[in-house]
Amino acid sequence: MSSSDIFIGETIGTAVLILLGGGVCAAVTLKRSKAKDAGWLAITFGWGFAVLTGAYLAGGVSGAHLNPAVTIGLAIEGGTKWSDVPLYLASQLLGAMIGAVLVWAVYYGQFHAHLTDPEIAKTKDEGPAGPVLGVFSTGPEIRNVVQNMVTEIIATVVLVLAILTQGLNNDGNGLGTLGALITALVVVSIGLSLGGPTGYAINPVRDLGPRIVHSLLPLPNKGGSDWSYAWIPIAGPLIGGAIAGGLYNLAFA
């Protein structure tokens, strides 16, 4: 596929992924949202459907990596040229930032209503992160660098290995559009089973792109962007993707 295919597919696909994934977080979190307090099930299924939609849109154009951890895993496995990796990663980061801005646009009124609420405003300086940072990025329930890193690595290994092994029972020909559905269900499963400790970033740009946008947007009383934690949802998934690629070559190739 051409460089323009990679750029267009990964940018649009990742933007849609973050728009719908961040959108469900905003819907559940923000005041004056009809889905307020819908809970963890809504978030996990919302992210799963976000993956399904983004992957379906971009699959025929760029292969729908939508995630640097997937790109790294595929490069190690041999399905993606290393020379294409920088373009994949840059396009994914751009798409993630676009998607986060679109979430802000869709929920503009809810952000304002939430962040100017007296009860929310008075807590803006409490803790390392603002009250709406979770709409944009992940954060741990218990801050333990080793546990948080291990959680992200294990969850990402599950995701990337599930992607790499698609089609092994079909003469190695892949699963086509059915693969997007299977990947989406894997993401739901990871969220339900492994998402509790850290919020399951399992995708560096899913966390970094929206976190950058959070730091730049003119949101009143938004608090900090928790940059001291931000390296974990970047490093953990990248390590997990690399491990998954190595495991695939060792056990399945």
C-alpha atoms as a PDB file:
ATOM      1  CA  MET A   1       0.000   0.000   0.000  1.00  0.00           C
ATOM      2  CA  SER A   2       1.138   3.549  -0.702  1.00  0.00           C
ATOM      3  CA  SER A   3       2.241   6.157   1.805  1.00  0.00           C
ATOM      4  CA  SER A   4      -0.938   8.127   1.125  1.00  0.00           C
ATOM      5  CA  ASP A   5      -3.021   5.021   1.858  1.00  0.00           C
ATOM      6  CA  ILE A   6      -1.280   4.561   5.194  1.00  0.00           C
ATOM      7  CA  PHE A   7      -1.635   8.240   6.112  1.00  0.00           C
ATOM      8  CA  ILE A   8      -5.291   8.553   5.134  1.00  0.00           C
ATOM      9  CA  GLY A   9      -6.408   5.209   6.562  1.00  0.00           C
ATOM     10  CA  GLU A  10      -4.576   5.470   9.861  1.00  0.00           C
ATOM     11  CA  THR A  11      -5.470   9.127  10.434  1.00  0.00           C
ATOM     12  CA  ILE A  12      -9.183   8.697   9.721  1.00  0.00           C
ATOM     13  CA  GLY A  13      -9.473   5.306  11.399  1.00  0.00           C
ATOM     14  CA  THR A  14      -7.702   6.419  14.573  1.00  0.00           C
ATOM     15  CA  ALA A  15      -9.687   9.665  14.676  1.00  0.00           C
ATOM     16  CA  VAL A  16     -12.940   7.709  14.572  1.00  0.00           C
ATOM     17  CA  LEU A  17     -11.623   5.272  17.189  1.00  0.00           C
ATOM     18  CA  ILE A  18     -10.848   8.116  19.603  1.00  0.00           C
ATOM     19  CA  LEU A  19     -14.016  10.060  18.760  1.00  0.00           C
ATOM     20  CA  LEU A  20     -16.222   7.112  19.684  1.00  0.00           C
ATOM     21  CA  GLY A  21     -14.047   5.813  22.532  1.00  0.00           C
ATOM     22  CA  GLY A  22     -13.486   9.192  24.116  1.00  0.00           C
ATOM     23  CA  GLY A  23     -17.105   9.981  23.375  1.00  0.00           C
ATOM     24  CA  VAL A  24     -18.398   7.156  25.543  1.00  0.00           C
ATOM     25  CA  CYS A  25     -16.103   8.300  28.364  1.00  0.00           C
ATOM     26  CA  ALA A  26     -17.498  11.827  28.044  1.00  0.00           C
ATOM     27  CA  ALA A  27     -21.056  10.510  27.912  1.00  0.00           C
ATOM     28  CA  VAL A  28     -20.610   8.550  31.125  1.00  0.00           C
ATOM     29  CA  THR A  29     -18.532  11.165  32.986  1.00  0.00           C
ATOM     30  CA  LEU A  30     -19.904  14.619  32.261  1.00  0.00           C
ATOM     31  CA  LYS A  31     -22.827  16.360  33.896  1.00  0.00           C
ATOM     32  CA  ARG A  32     -25.863  17.090  31.722  1.00  0.00           C
ATOM     33  CA  SER A  33     -25.111  14.028  29.594  1.00  0.00           C
ATOM     34  CA  LYS A  34     -27.987  11.609  29.057  1.00  0.00           C
ATOM     35  CA  ALA A  35     -25.599   8.698  29.699  1.00  0.00           C
ATOM     36  CA  LYS A  36     -24.176  10.086  32.955  1.00  0.00           C
ATOM     37  CA  ASP A  37     -23.105   7.301  35.339  1.00  0.00           C
ATOM     38  CA  ALA A  38     -23.888   4.548  32.826  1.00  0.00           C
ATOM     39  CA  GLY A  39     -20.889   2.664  34.200  1.00  0.00           C
ATOM     40  CA  TRP A  40     -17.970   0.473  33.223  1.00  0.00           C
ATOM     41  CA  LEU A  41     -19.968  -1.832  30.948  1.00  0.00           C
ATOM     42  CA  ALA A  42     -20.969   1.119  28.793  1.00  0.00           C
ATOM     43  CA  ILE A  43     -17.345   2.250  28.577  1.00  0.00           C
ATOM     44  CA  THR A  44     -15.930  -1.164  27.687  1.00  0.00           C
ATOM     45  CA  PHE A  45     -18.537  -1.885  25.028  1.00  0.00           C
ATOM     46  CA  GLY A  46     -18.273   1.673  23.729  1.00  0.00           C
ATOM     47  CA  TRP A  47     -14.533   1.261  23.227  1.00  0.00           C
ATOM     48  CA  GLY A  48     -15.062  -2.138  21.610  1.00  0.00           C
ATOM     49  CA  PHE A  49     -17.528  -0.681  19.113  1.00  0.00           C
ATOM     50  CA  ALA A  50     -15.127   2.235  18.552  1.00  0.00           C
ATOM     51  CA  VAL A  51     -12.413  -0.240  17.557  1.00  0.00           C
ATOM     52  CA  LEU A  52     -14.869  -2.085  15.310  1.00  0.00           C
ATOM     53  CA  THR A  53     -15.891   1.106  13.498  1.00  0.00           C
ATOM     54  CA  GLY A  54     -12.370   2.490  13.086  1.00  0.00           C
ATOM     55  CA  ALA A  55     -10.979  -0.846  11.938  1.00  0.00           C
ATOM     56  CA  TYR A  56     -13.810  -1.397   9.464  1.00  0.00           C
ATOM     57  CA  LEU A  57     -13.317   2.077   7.967  1.00  0.00           C
ATOM     58  CA  ALA A  58      -9.538   1.809   7.612  1.00  0.00           C
ATOM     59  CA  GLY A  59      -9.094  -1.918   7.011  1.00  0.00           C
ATOM     60  CA  GLY A  60      -9.204  -1.779   3.231  1.00  0.00           C
ATOM     61  CA  VAL A  61      -7.002   1.313   3.028  1.00  0.00           C
ATOM     62  CA  SER A  62      -4.127   0.988   5.503  1.00  0.00           C
ATOM     63  CA  GLY A  63      -4.729  -2.356   7.197  1.00  0.00           C
ATOM     64  CA  ALA A  64      -6.246  -0.566  10.204  1.00  0.00           C
ATOM     65  CA  HIS A  65      -3.440  -0.829  12.714  1.00  0.00           C
ATOM     66  CA  LEU A  66      -4.757   2.254  14.608  1.00  0.00           C
ATOM     67  CA  ASN A  67      -2.271   1.485  17.373  1.00  0.00           C
ATOM     68  CA  PRO A  68       1.542   1.720  17.494  1.00  0.00           C
ATOM     69  CA  ALA A  69       1.666  -1.471  19.563  1.00  0.00           C
ATOM     70  CA  VAL A  70      -0.065  -3.314  16.719  1.00  0.00           C
ATOM     71  CA  THR A  71       2.274  -1.735  14.177  1.00  0.00           C
ATOM     72  CA  ILE A  72       5.348  -2.768  16.158  1.00  0.00           C
ATOM     73  CA  GLY A  73       3.982  -6.292  16.626  1.00  0.00           C
ATOM     74  CA  LEU A  74       3.290  -6.612  12.896  1.00  0.00           C
ATOM     75  CA  ALA A  75       6.745  -5.262  12.023  1.00  0.00           C
ATOM     76  CA  ILE A  76       8.411  -7.854  14.263  1.00  0.00           C
ATOM     77  CA  GLU A  77       6.151 -10.574  12.868  1.00  0.00           C
ATOM     78  CA  GLY A  78       7.085  -9.482   9.342  1.00  0.00           C
ATOM     79  CA  GLY A  79       3.737  -8.316   8.018  1.00  0.00           C
ATOM     80  CA  THR A  80       4.685  -4.609   8.010  1.00  0.00           C
ATOM     81  CA  LYS A  81       7.851  -3.053   6.596  1.00  0.00           C
ATOM     82  CA  TRP A  82       9.961  -1.275   9.187  1.00  0.00           C
ATOM     83  CA  SER A  83      10.330   1.620   6.761  1.00  0.00           C
ATOM     84  CA  ASP A  84       6.575   2.204   7.009  1.00  0.00           C
ATOM     85  CA  VAL A  85       6.504   2.214  10.813  1.00  0.00           C
ATOM     86  CA  PRO A  86       7.260   5.954  11.318  1.00  0.00           C
ATOM     87  CA  LEU A  87       4.422   6.954   8.966  1.00  0.00           C
ATOM     88  CA  TYR A  88       2.001   4.602  10.706  1.00  0.00           C
ATOM     89  CA  LEU A  89       2.890   6.016  14.124  1.00  0.00           C
ATOM     90  CA  ALA A  90       2.735   9.665  13.054  1.00  0.00           C
ATOM     91  CA  SER A  91      -0.602   9.161  11.315  1.00  0.00           C
ATOM     92  CA  GLN A  92      -2.038   7.392  14.341  1.00  0.00           C
ATOM     93  CA  LEU A  93      -0.955  10.187  16.681  1.00  0.00           C
ATOM     94  CA  LEU A  94      -2.440  12.834  14.402  1.00  0.00           C
ATOM     95  CA  GLY A  95      -5.690  10.887  14.149  1.00  0.00           C
ATOM     96  CA  ALA A  96      -5.867  10.472  17.922  1.00  0.00           C
ATOM     97  CA  MET A  97      -5.483  14.214  18.432  1.00  0.00           C
ATOM     98  CA  ILE A  98      -8.154  14.964  15.841  1.00  0.00           C
ATOM     99  CA  GLY A  99     -10.518  12.500  17.489  1.00  0.00           C
ATOM    100  CA  ALA A 100      -9.978  14.102  20.904  1.00  0.00           C
ATOM    101  CA  VAL A 101     -10.747  17.563  19.519  1.00  0.00           C
ATOM    102  CA  LEU A 102     -13.950  16.176  17.992  1.00  0.00           C
ATOM    103  CA  VAL A 103     -14.987  14.765  21.386  1.00  0.00           C
ATOM    104  CA  TRP A 104     -14.534  18.246  22.845  1.00  0.00           C
ATOM    105  CA  ALA A 105     -16.632  19.746  20.036  1.00  0.00           C
ATOM    106  CA  VAL A 106     -19.461  17.245  20.454  1.00  0.00           C
ATOM    107  CA  TYR A 107     -19.573  17.619  24.254  1.00  0.00           C
ATOM    108  CA  TYR A 108     -18.668  21.308  24.405  1.00  0.00           C
ATOM    109  CA  GLY A 109     -21.720  22.257  26.466  1.00  0.00           C
ATOM    110  CA  GLN A 110     -21.320  19.286  28.792  1.00  0.00           C
ATOM    111  CA  PHE A 111     -17.654  20.102  29.423  1.00  0.00           C
ATOM    112  CA  HIS A 112     -18.582  23.659  30.333  1.00  0.00           C
ATOM    113  CA  ALA A 113     -21.506  22.600  32.536  1.00  0.00           C
ATOM    114  CA  HIS A 114     -19.376  19.985  34.282  1.00  0.00           C
ATOM    115  CA  LEU A 115     -16.272  22.055  34.870  1.00  0.00           C
ATOM    116  CA  THR A 116     -18.112  25.166  36.022  1.00  0.00           C
ATOM    117  CA  ASP A 117     -20.258  23.245  38.481  1.00  0.00           C
ATOM    118  CA  PRO A 118     -19.288  24.530  41.960  1.00  0.00           C
ATOM    119  CA  GLU A 119     -18.833  21.006  43.334  1.00  0.00           C
ATOM    120  CA  ILE A 120     -16.441  20.077  40.518  1.00  0.00           C
ATOM    121  CA  ALA A 121     -14.624  23.406  40.403  1.00  0.00           C
ATOM    122  CA  LYS A 122     -13.637  23.271  44.050  1.00  0.00           C
ATOM    123  CA  THR A 123     -11.820  19.932  43.569  1.00  0.00           C
ATOM    124  CA  LYS A 124      -9.755  21.011  40.550  1.00  0.00           C
ATOM    125  CA  ASP A 125      -6.494  21.148  42.488  1.00  0.00           C
ATOM    126  CA  GLU A 126      -6.966  17.902  44.378  1.00  0.00           C
ATOM    127  CA  GLY A 127      -4.871  14.985  43.201  1.00  0.00           C
ATOM    128  CA  PRO A 128      -2.493  14.688  40.246  1.00  0.00           C
ATOM    129  CA  ALA A 129      -5.174  14.899  37.525  1.00  0.00           C
ATOM    130  CA  GLY A 130      -8.186  17.031  36.765  1.00  0.00           C
ATOM    131  CA  PRO A 131     -11.749  15.740  37.026  1.00  0.00           C
ATOM    132  CA  VAL A 132     -12.251  15.248  33.273  1.00  0.00           C
ATOM    133  CA  LEU A 133      -8.813  13.940  32.306  1.00  0.00           C
ATOM    134  CA  GLY A 134     -10.330  10.453  32.213  1.00  0.00           C
ATOM    135  CA  VAL A 135     -12.366  11.503  29.183  1.00  0.00           C
ATOM    136  CA  PHE A 136      -9.105  11.995  27.301  1.00  0.00           C
ATOM    137  CA  SER A 137      -6.595   9.553  28.789  1.00  0.00           C
ATOM    138  CA  THR A 138      -6.075   6.754  31.262  1.00  0.00           C
ATOM    139  CA  GLY A 139      -4.950   6.719  34.864  1.00  0.00           C
ATOM    140  CA  PRO A 140      -4.357   4.071  37.525  1.00  0.00           C
ATOM    141  CA  GLU A 141      -6.572   3.423  40.519  1.00  0.00           C
ATOM    142  CA  ILE A 142      -3.460   2.505  42.529  1.00  0.00           C
ATOM    143  CA  ARG A 143      -0.236   4.274  41.582  1.00  0.00           C
ATOM    144  CA  ASN A 144       2.401   1.584  41.477  1.00  0.00           C
ATOM    145  CA  VAL A 145       4.824   1.890  38.581  1.00  0.00           C
ATOM    146  CA  VAL A 146       5.635  -1.818  38.387  1.00  0.00           C
ATOM    147  CA  GLN A 147       2.026  -2.995  38.639  1.00  0.00           C
ATOM    148  CA  ASN A 148       0.758  -0.348  36.228  1.00  0.00           C
ATOM    149  CA  MET A 149       3.453  -1.195  33.689  1.00  0.00           C
ATOM    150  CA  VAL A 150       2.918  -4.944  33.999  1.00  0.00           C
ATOM    151  CA  THR A 151      -0.838  -4.502  33.594  1.00  0.00           C
ATOM    152  CA  GLU A 152      -0.425  -2.523  30.373  1.00  0.00           C
ATOM    153  CA  ILE A 153       2.144  -4.962  29.002  1.00  0.00           C
ATOM    154  CA  ILE A 154       0.021  -8.059  29.682  1.00  0.00           C
ATOM    155  CA  ALA A 155      -3.174  -6.499  28.338  1.00  0.00           C
ATOM    156  CA  THR A 156      -1.403  -5.384  25.163  1.00  0.00           C
ATOM    157  CA  VAL A 157       0.183  -8.785  24.609  1.00  0.00           C
ATOM    158  CA  VAL A 158      -3.305 -10.287  24.669  1.00  0.00           C
ATOM    159  CA  LEU A 159      -4.585  -7.735  22.156  1.00  0.00           C
ATOM    160  CA  VAL A 160      -1.701  -7.912  19.688  1.00  0.00           C
ATOM    161  CA  LEU A 161      -1.328 -11.679  19.871  1.00  0.00           C
ATOM    162  CA  ALA A 162      -5.055 -12.049  19.187  1.00  0.00           C
ATOM    163  CA  ILE A 163      -4.628  -9.845  16.109  1.00  0.00           C
ATOM    164  CA  LEU A 164      -1.519 -11.625  14.830  1.00  0.00           C
ATOM    165  CA  THR A 165      -3.080 -15.077  15.130  1.00  0.00           C
ATOM    166  CA  GLN A 166      -6.212 -14.231  13.157  1.00  0.00           C
ATOM    167  CA  GLY A 167      -6.559 -16.538  10.216  1.00  0.00           C
ATOM    168  CA  LEU A 168      -4.275 -19.308  11.452  1.00  0.00           C
ATOM    169  CA  ASN A 169      -7.252 -21.648  11.191  1.00  0.00           C
ATOM    170  CA  ASN A 170      -8.013 -20.381   7.692  1.00  0.00           C
ATOM    171  CA  ASP A 171      -4.799 -21.310   5.871  1.00  0.00           C
ATOM    172  CA  GLY A 172      -3.190 -18.090   7.056  1.00  0.00           C
ATOM    173  CA  ASN A 173      -5.368 -15.965   4.799  1.00  0.00           C
ATOM    174  CA  GLY A 174      -6.710 -13.720   7.547  1.00  0.00           C
ATOM    175  CA  LEU A 175     -10.339 -13.162   8.387  1.00  0.00           C
ATOM    176  CA  GLY A 176     -11.151 -10.033   6.384  1.00  0.00           C
ATOM    177  CA  THR A 177     -13.823  -7.814   7.907  1.00  0.00           C
ATOM    178  CA  LEU A 178     -14.618 -10.534  10.438  1.00  0.00           C
ATOM    179  CA  GLY A 179     -11.223  -9.789  11.965  1.00  0.00           C
ATOM    180  CA  ALA A 180     -12.404  -6.309  12.943  1.00  0.00           C
ATOM    181  CA  LEU A 181     -15.302  -7.820  14.877  1.00  0.00           C
ATOM    182  CA  ILE A 182     -13.054 -10.325  16.650  1.00  0.00           C
ATOM    183  CA  THR A 183     -10.588  -7.570  17.559  1.00  0.00           C
ATOM    184  CA  ALA A 184     -13.419  -5.431  18.927  1.00  0.00           C
ATOM    185  CA  LEU A 185     -14.633  -8.301  21.114  1.00  0.00           C
ATOM    186  CA  VAL A 186     -11.077  -8.863  22.357  1.00  0.00           C
ATOM    187  CA  VAL A 187     -10.922  -5.186  23.359  1.00  0.00           C
ATOM    188  CA  VAL A 188     -14.210  -5.548  25.254  1.00  0.00           C
ATOM    189  CA  SER A 189     -12.853  -8.638  26.994  1.00  0.00           C
ATOM    190  CA  ILE A 190      -9.628  -6.854  27.951  1.00  0.00           C
ATOM    191  CA  GLY A 191     -11.602  -3.925  29.313  1.00  0.00           C
ATOM    192  CA  LEU A 192     -13.861  -6.120  31.401  1.00  0.00           C
ATOM    193  CA  SER A 193     -11.128  -8.420  32.692  1.00  0.00           C
ATOM    194  CA  LEU A 194      -7.904  -6.384  32.752  1.00  0.00           C
ATOM    195  CA  GLY A 195      -9.042  -2.769  32.577  1.00  0.00           C
ATOM    196  CA  GLY A 196      -9.708  -2.187  36.260  1.00  0.00           C
ATOM    197  CA  PRO A 197      -6.194  -1.283  37.447  1.00  0.00           C
ATOM    198  CA  THR A 198      -5.181   1.284  34.794  1.00  0.00           C
ATOM    199  CA  GLY A 199      -8.106   1.907  32.454  1.00  0.00           C
ATOM    200  CA  TYR A 200      -6.444  -0.265  29.767  1.00  0.00           C
ATOM    201  CA  ALA A 201      -4.721   2.146  27.396  1.00  0.00           C
ATOM    202  CA  ILE A 202      -3.249  -0.771  25.343  1.00  0.00           C
ATOM    203  CA  ASN A 203      -2.519   1.869  22.689  1.00  0.00           C
ATOM    204  CA  PRO A 204       0.105   4.614  23.123  1.00  0.00           C
ATOM    205  CA  VAL A 205      -1.600   7.181  20.869  1.00  0.00           C
ATOM    206  CA  ARG A 206      -5.002   6.506  22.413  1.00  0.00           C
ATOM    207  CA  ASP A 207      -3.506   7.976  25.576  1.00  0.00           C
ATOM    208  CA  LEU A 208      -0.867  10.420  24.341  1.00  0.00           C
ATOM    209  CA  GLY A 209      -2.826  12.188  21.599  1.00  0.00           C
ATOM    210  CA  PRO A 210      -5.869  13.040  23.748  1.00  0.00           C
ATOM    211  CA  ARG A 211      -3.633  13.909  26.717  1.00  0.00           C
ATOM    212  CA  ILE A 212      -1.853  16.498  24.552  1.00  0.00           C
ATOM    213  CA  VAL A 213      -5.233  17.876  23.480  1.00  0.00           C
ATOM    214  CA  HIS A 214      -6.394  18.015  27.116  1.00  0.00           C
ATOM    215  CA  SER A 215      -3.318  20.076  27.986  1.00  0.00           C
ATOM    216  CA  LEU A 216      -4.044  22.543  25.152  1.00  0.00           C
ATOM    217  CA  LEU A 217      -7.823  22.937  25.211  1.00  0.00           C
ATOM    218  CA  PRO A 218      -9.267  26.014  26.963  1.00  0.00           C
ATOM    219  CA  LEU A 219     -11.231  24.012  29.535  1.00  0.00           C
ATOM    220  CA  PRO A 220     -11.982  25.888  32.775  1.00  0.00           C
ATOM    221  CA  ASN A 221     -10.915  24.201  36.022  1.00  0.00           C
ATOM    222  CA  LYS A 222      -9.579  21.227  34.066  1.00  0.00           C
ATOM    223  CA  GLY A 223      -6.654  20.494  36.380  1.00  0.00           C
ATOM    224  CA  GLY A 224      -3.378  18.965  35.272  1.00  0.00           C
ATOM    225  CA  SER A 225      -2.739  16.451  32.505  1.00  0.00           C
ATOM    226  CA  ASP A 226      -0.834  14.009  34.767  1.00  0.00           C
ATOM    227  CA  TRP A 227       2.332  13.930  32.677  1.00  0.00           C
ATOM    228  CA  SER A 228       4.167  12.067  35.433  1.00  0.00           C
ATOM    229  CA  TYR A 229       2.096   8.977  34.588  1.00  0.00           C
ATOM    230  CA  ALA A 230       1.890   9.496  30.819  1.00  0.00           C
ATOM    231  CA  TRP A 231       5.002   7.450  29.978  1.00  0.00           C
ATOM    232  CA  ILE A 232       3.489   4.202  31.288  1.00  0.00           C
ATOM    233  CA  PRO A 233       0.597   3.950  28.775  1.00  0.00           C
ATOM    234  CA  ILE A 234       3.190   4.653  26.075  1.00  0.00           C
ATOM    235  CA  ALA A 235       5.986   2.314  27.135  1.00  0.00           C
ATOM    236  CA  GLY A 236       3.791  -0.528  28.423  1.00  0.00           C
ATOM    237  CA  PRO A 237       1.831  -1.087  25.191  1.00  0.00           C
ATOM    238  CA  LEU A 238       4.944  -0.725  23.020  1.00  0.00           C
ATOM    239  CA  ILE A 239       6.720  -3.372  25.095  1.00  0.00           C
ATOM    240  CA  GLY A 240       3.616  -5.550  24.999  1.00  0.00           C
ATOM    241  CA  GLY A 241       3.349  -5.240  21.224  1.00  0.00           C
ATOM    242  CA  ALA A 242       7.005  -6.207  20.809  1.00  0.00           C
ATOM    243  CA  ILE A 243       6.597  -9.208  23.115  1.00  0.00           C
ATOM    244  CA  ALA A 244       3.506 -10.323  21.203  1.00  0.00           C
ATOM    245  CA  GLY A 245       5.391 -10.123  17.898  1.00  0.00           C
ATOM    246  CA  GLY A 246       8.219 -12.196  19.348  1.00  0.00           C
ATOM    247  CA  LEU A 247       5.840 -14.758  20.831  1.00  0.00           C
ATOM    248  CA  TYR A 248       4.079 -15.100  17.505  1.00  0.00           C
ATOM    249  CA  ASN A 249       7.332 -15.802  15.695  1.00  0.00           C
ATOM    250  CA  LEU A 250       8.369 -18.279  18.384  1.00  0.00           C
ATOM    251  CA  ALA A 251       5.114 -20.173  18.796  1.00  0.00           C
ATOM    252  CA  PHE A 252       3.001 -19.730  15.657  1.00  0.00           C
ATOM    253  CA  ALA A 253       5.201 -18.841  12.685  1.00  0.00           C
END
